[in-house]
C-alpha atoms as a PDB file:
ATOM      1  CA  MET A   1     291.686 128.384-168.852  1.00  0.00           C
ATOM      2  CA  LYS A   2     288.944 125.869-168.889  1.00  0.00           C
ATOM      3  CA  LYS A   3     285.525 126.643-170.947  1.00  0.00           C
ATOM      4  CA  ILE A   4     282.852 124.661-169.353  1.00  0.00           C
ATOM      5  CA  LEU A   5     279.561 124.675-170.532  1.00  0.00           C
ATOM      6  CA  ILE A   6     276.492 123.690-168.199  1.00  0.00           C
ATOM      7  CA  THR A   7     273.054 122.771-169.022  1.00  0.00           C
ATOM      8  CA  GLY A   8     270.361 120.135-168.632  1.00  0.00           C
ATOM      9  CA  ASP A   9     266.474 119.490-167.837  1.00  0.00           C
ATOM     10  CA  LEU A  10     264.165 122.053-167.108  1.00  0.00           C
ATOM     11  CA  LYS A  11     262.973 120.637-164.136  1.00  0.00           C
ATOM     12  CA  TYR A  12     265.547 119.269-163.082  1.00  0.00           C
ATOM     13  CA  HIS A  13     265.855 121.356-159.044  1.00  0.00           C
ATOM     14  CA  ASN A  14     268.426 119.720-157.324  1.00  0.00           C
ATOM     15  CA  LYS A  15     270.045 122.789-155.695  1.00  0.00           C
ATOM     16  CA  GLY A  16     272.208 121.601-153.445  1.00  0.00           C
ATOM     17  CA  GLU A  17     274.391 119.374-156.312  1.00  0.00           C
ATOM     18  CA  ILE A  18     274.597 121.930-158.654  1.00  0.00           C
ATOM     19  CA  LYS A  19     275.445 124.445-155.751  1.00  0.00           C
ATOM     20  CA  ASP A  20     278.419 121.667-154.566  1.00  0.00           C
ATOM     21  CA  PHE A  21     279.299 121.136-158.278  1.00  0.00           C
ATOM     22  CA  ILE A  22     280.162 124.815-158.996  1.00  0.00           C
ATOM     23  CA  PHE A  23     281.996 125.238-155.578  1.00  0.00           C
ATOM     24  CA  GLU A  24     283.901 122.426-156.721  1.00  0.00           C
ATOM     25  CA  LEU A  25     284.627 123.564-159.741  1.00  0.00           C
ATOM     26  CA  LYS A  26     286.118 126.648-158.531  1.00  0.00           C
ATOM     27  CA  ASN A  27     288.141 125.103-155.886  1.00  0.00           C
ATOM     28  CA  ARG A  28     289.413 122.937-158.725  1.00  0.00           C
ATOM     29  CA  TYR A  29     290.549 125.478-161.094  1.00  0.00           C
ATOM     30  CA  ASP A  30     290.368 128.790-159.019  1.00  0.00           C
ATOM     31  CA  LYS A  31     289.856 131.743-161.784  1.00  0.00           C
ATOM     32  CA  GLU A  32     290.855 129.526-164.300  1.00  0.00           C
ATOM     33  CA  ILE A  33     287.503 128.758-165.739  1.00  0.00           C
ATOM     34  CA  LYS A  34     284.723 130.144-167.300  1.00  0.00           C
ATOM     35  CA  VAL A  35     280.779 128.366-166.588  1.00  0.00           C
ATOM     36  CA  ALA A  36     278.155 129.230-169.499  1.00  0.00           C
ATOM     37  CA  THR A  37     274.858 127.579-169.668  1.00  0.00           C
ATOM     38  CA  LEU A  38     272.110 127.906-172.690  1.00  0.00           C
ATOM     39  CA  ALA A  39     270.007 130.848-170.828  1.00  0.00           C
ATOM     40  CA  ASN A  40     267.125 128.654-170.225  1.00  0.00           C
ATOM     41  CA  ASN A  41     264.848 130.374-167.730  1.00  0.00           C
ATOM     42  CA  TYR A  42     263.915 127.373-165.657  1.00  0.00           C
ATOM     43  CA  GLY A  43     265.775 124.682-164.131  1.00  0.00           C
ATOM     44  CA  VAL A  44     269.587 123.809-164.492  1.00  0.00           C
ATOM     45  CA  ASP A  45     270.685 126.651-166.055  1.00  0.00           C
ATOM     46  CA  THR A  46     268.821 129.200-163.576  1.00  0.00           C
ATOM     47  CA  LEU A  47     270.562 127.304-160.909  1.00  0.00           C
ATOM     48  CA  VAL A  48     274.390 127.539-162.669  1.00  0.00           C
ATOM     49  CA  LYS A  49     273.623 131.189-163.431  1.00  0.00           C
ATOM     50  CA  LYS A  50     272.916 132.020-159.822  1.00  0.00           C
ATOM     51  CA  TYR A  51     275.902 130.193-157.859  1.00  0.00           C
ATOM     52  CA  ALA A  52     278.474 131.096-160.247  1.00  0.00           C
ATOM     53  CA  LEU A  53     277.973 134.435-159.638  1.00  0.00           C
ATOM     54  CA  GLU A  54     277.387 133.909-156.343  1.00  0.00           C
ATOM     55  CA  PHE A  55     281.207 132.065-156.178  1.00  0.00           C
ATOM     56  CA  ASP A  56     282.319 134.775-158.581  1.00  0.00           C
ATOM     57  CA  VAL A  57     282.843 132.274-161.432  1.00  0.00           C
ATOM     58  CA  ILE A  58     283.585 134.111-164.516  1.00  0.00           C
ATOM     59  CA  TYR A  59     280.054 133.457-166.317  1.00  0.00           C
ATOM     60  CA  GLY A  60     278.239 133.516-169.609  1.00  0.00           C
ATOM     61  CA  GLU A  61     275.259 132.470-171.530  1.00  0.00           C
ATOM     62  CA  PHE A  62     274.475 131.347-175.063  1.00  0.00           C
ATOM     63  CA  ASN A  63     270.960 132.630-175.553  1.00  0.00           C
ATOM     64  CA  ALA A  64     268.656 132.076-178.655  1.00  0.00           C
ATOM     65  CA  TYR A  65     269.275 133.961-181.837  1.00  0.00           C
ATOM     66  CA  HIS A  66     265.692 135.796-181.850  1.00  0.00           C
ATOM     67  CA  THR A  67     265.976 137.014-178.103  1.00  0.00           C
ATOM     68  CA  HIS A  68     267.490 140.699-177.529  1.00  0.00           C
ATOM     69  CA  HIS A  69     271.398 140.911-176.182  1.00  0.00           C
ATOM     70  CA  ARG A  70     271.738 140.080-172.137  1.00  0.00           C
ATOM     71  CA  MET A  71     274.509 141.285-170.235  1.00  0.00           C
ATOM     72  CA  TYR A  72     275.922 137.727-169.943  1.00  0.00           C
ATOM     73  CA  ASP A  73     275.846 136.453-173.479  1.00  0.00           C
ATOM     74  CA  ILE A  74     279.023 135.129-174.935  1.00  0.00           C
ATOM     75  CA  MET A  75     278.082 136.066-178.837  1.00  0.00           C
ATOM     76  CA  PRO A  76     278.079 139.675-179.799  1.00  0.00           C
ATOM     77  CA  VAL A  77     275.254 141.777-180.168  1.00  0.00           C
ATOM     78  CA  ARG A  78     274.854 141.772-184.265  1.00  0.00           C
ATOM     79  CA  MET A  79     273.899 137.943-183.449  1.00  0.00           C
ATOM     80  CA  PHE A  80     270.579 138.620-181.713  1.00  0.00           C
ATOM     81  CA  ASN A  81     267.356 140.263-182.482  1.00  0.00           C
ATOM     82  CA  LYS A  82     266.425 137.793-185.491  1.00  0.00           C
ATOM     83  CA  LYS A  83     263.368 136.489-186.989  1.00  0.00           C
ATOM     84  CA  TYR A  84     261.994 134.047-184.502  1.00  0.00           C
ATOM     85  CA  HIS A  85     262.632 130.327-186.265  1.00  0.00           C
ATOM     86  CA  LYS A  86     263.410 126.707-184.593  1.00  0.00           C
ATOM     87  CA  ILE A  87     266.921 126.759-186.144  1.00  0.00           C
ATOM     88  CA  ASN A  88     267.787 129.628-183.837  1.00  0.00           C
ATOM     89  CA  PHE A  89     268.201 127.197-180.714  1.00  0.00           C
ATOM     90  CA  VAL A  90     270.522 124.767-183.403  1.00  0.00           C
ATOM     91  CA  TYR A  91     272.627 127.284-183.757  1.00  0.00           C
ATOM     92  CA  ARG A  92     273.258 128.410-180.413  1.00  0.00           C
ATOM     93  CA  ASP A  93     273.309 124.823-178.983  1.00  0.00           C
ATOM     94  CA  SER A  94     276.191 124.605-181.891  1.00  0.00           C
ATOM     95  CA  HIS A  95     278.025 127.441-180.901  1.00  0.00           C
ATOM     96  CA  ALA A  96     277.746 126.893-177.394  1.00  0.00           C
ATOM     97  CA  VAL A  97     279.589 123.052-178.169  1.00  0.00           C
ATOM     98  CA  ASN A  98     282.098 124.890-180.052  1.00  0.00           C
ATOM     99  CA  TRP A  99     282.882 127.207-177.637  1.00  0.00           C
ATOM    100  CA  ALA A 100     283.343 124.364-174.769  1.00  0.00           C
ATOM    101  CA  ASP A 101     286.459 122.316-174.086  1.00  0.00           C
ATOM    102  CA  ILE A 102     283.803 120.623-171.357  1.00  0.00           C
ATOM    103  CA  ILE A 103     280.158 119.676-171.579  1.00  0.00           C
ATOM    104  CA  ILE A 104     278.098 119.054-168.565  1.00  0.00           C
ATOM    105  CA  LEU A 105     274.167 117.609-168.653  1.00  0.00           C
ATOM    106  CA  PHE A 106     272.608 117.681-165.574  1.00  0.00           C
ATOM    107  CA  LEU A 107     268.937 115.274-166.524  1.00  0.00           C
ATOM    108  CA  ILE A 108     266.197 113.930-164.599  1.00  0.00           C
ATOM    109  CA  LYS A 109     265.753 111.336-167.344  1.00  0.00           C
ATOM    110  CA  GLU A 110     267.179 109.708-171.156  1.00  0.00           C
ATOM    111  CA  PRO A 111     268.491 112.873-172.829  1.00  0.00           C
ATOM    112  CA  ASP A 112     265.958 114.345-175.183  1.00  0.00           C
ATOM    113  CA  ASP A 113     266.459 114.878-179.021  1.00  0.00           C
ATOM    114  CA  ASN A 114     267.570 118.332-177.899  1.00  0.00           C
ATOM    115  CA  PHE A 115     270.752 116.886-175.608  1.00  0.00           C
ATOM    116  CA  LYS A 116     271.058 113.727-178.209  1.00  0.00           C
ATOM    117  CA  ARG A 117     271.964 116.744-181.023  1.00  0.00           C
ATOM    118  CA  ILE A 118     274.287 118.594-178.193  1.00  0.00           C
ATOM    119  CA  ILE A 119     275.825 114.939-177.329  1.00  0.00           C
ATOM    120  CA  ARG A 120     276.778 114.539-180.833  1.00  0.00           C
ATOM    121  CA  ALA A 121     278.124 117.906-181.801  1.00  0.00           C
ATOM    122  CA  ALA A 122     280.027 117.433-178.739  1.00  0.00           C
ATOM    123  CA  LYS A 123     281.574 113.731-179.712  1.00  0.00           C
ATOM    124  CA  LYS A 124     282.289 114.856-183.423  1.00  0.00           C
ATOM    125  CA  LYS A 125     284.589 117.931-181.796  1.00  0.00           C
ATOM    126  CA  ASN A 126     286.053 115.136-179.358  1.00  0.00           C
ATOM    127  CA  LYS A 127     284.763 117.541-176.393  1.00  0.00           C
ATOM    128  CA  ILE A 128     284.506 115.993-172.686  1.00  0.00           C
ATOM    129  CA  ILE A 129     280.933 115.333-172.086  1.00  0.00           C
ATOM    130  CA  LYS A 130     279.684 113.924-168.311  1.00  0.00           C
ATOM    131  CA  ILE A 131     276.104 113.256-167.707  1.00  0.00           C
ATOM    132  CA  ILE A 132     274.909 113.669-164.167  1.00  0.00           C
ATOM    133  CA  LYS A 133     271.338 112.158-163.596  1.00  0.00           C
ATOM    134  CA  GLU A 134     269.077 113.005-160.545  1.00  0.00           C
END
């Protein structure tokens, strides 16, 4: 089963492109994929969640560890409700990259430091990375 992490800019709002992308993944892999996001409340992650669930694709998410455990979280309950610290996002991203076979980034500009960190980690792990620019 292919595990695909899809995330991107918070200001990315090309619904049609993301909808078509999820639809193509479902048709290509049928029930052989799991899709996950970094659980951001805006942009790419919300659209991926919406269309993955709409197209009946197995969906999960990686939340930062200072948040509460949610219905679609991939990580176990014990990982959550920690004290807030910026490093929580680094740990979340690291776990997401380790989990994924393929990483897809929808960006509207050049990658910022957070996406660069994800890209570096993915390259170290020899993960497939695809960047789609709006």
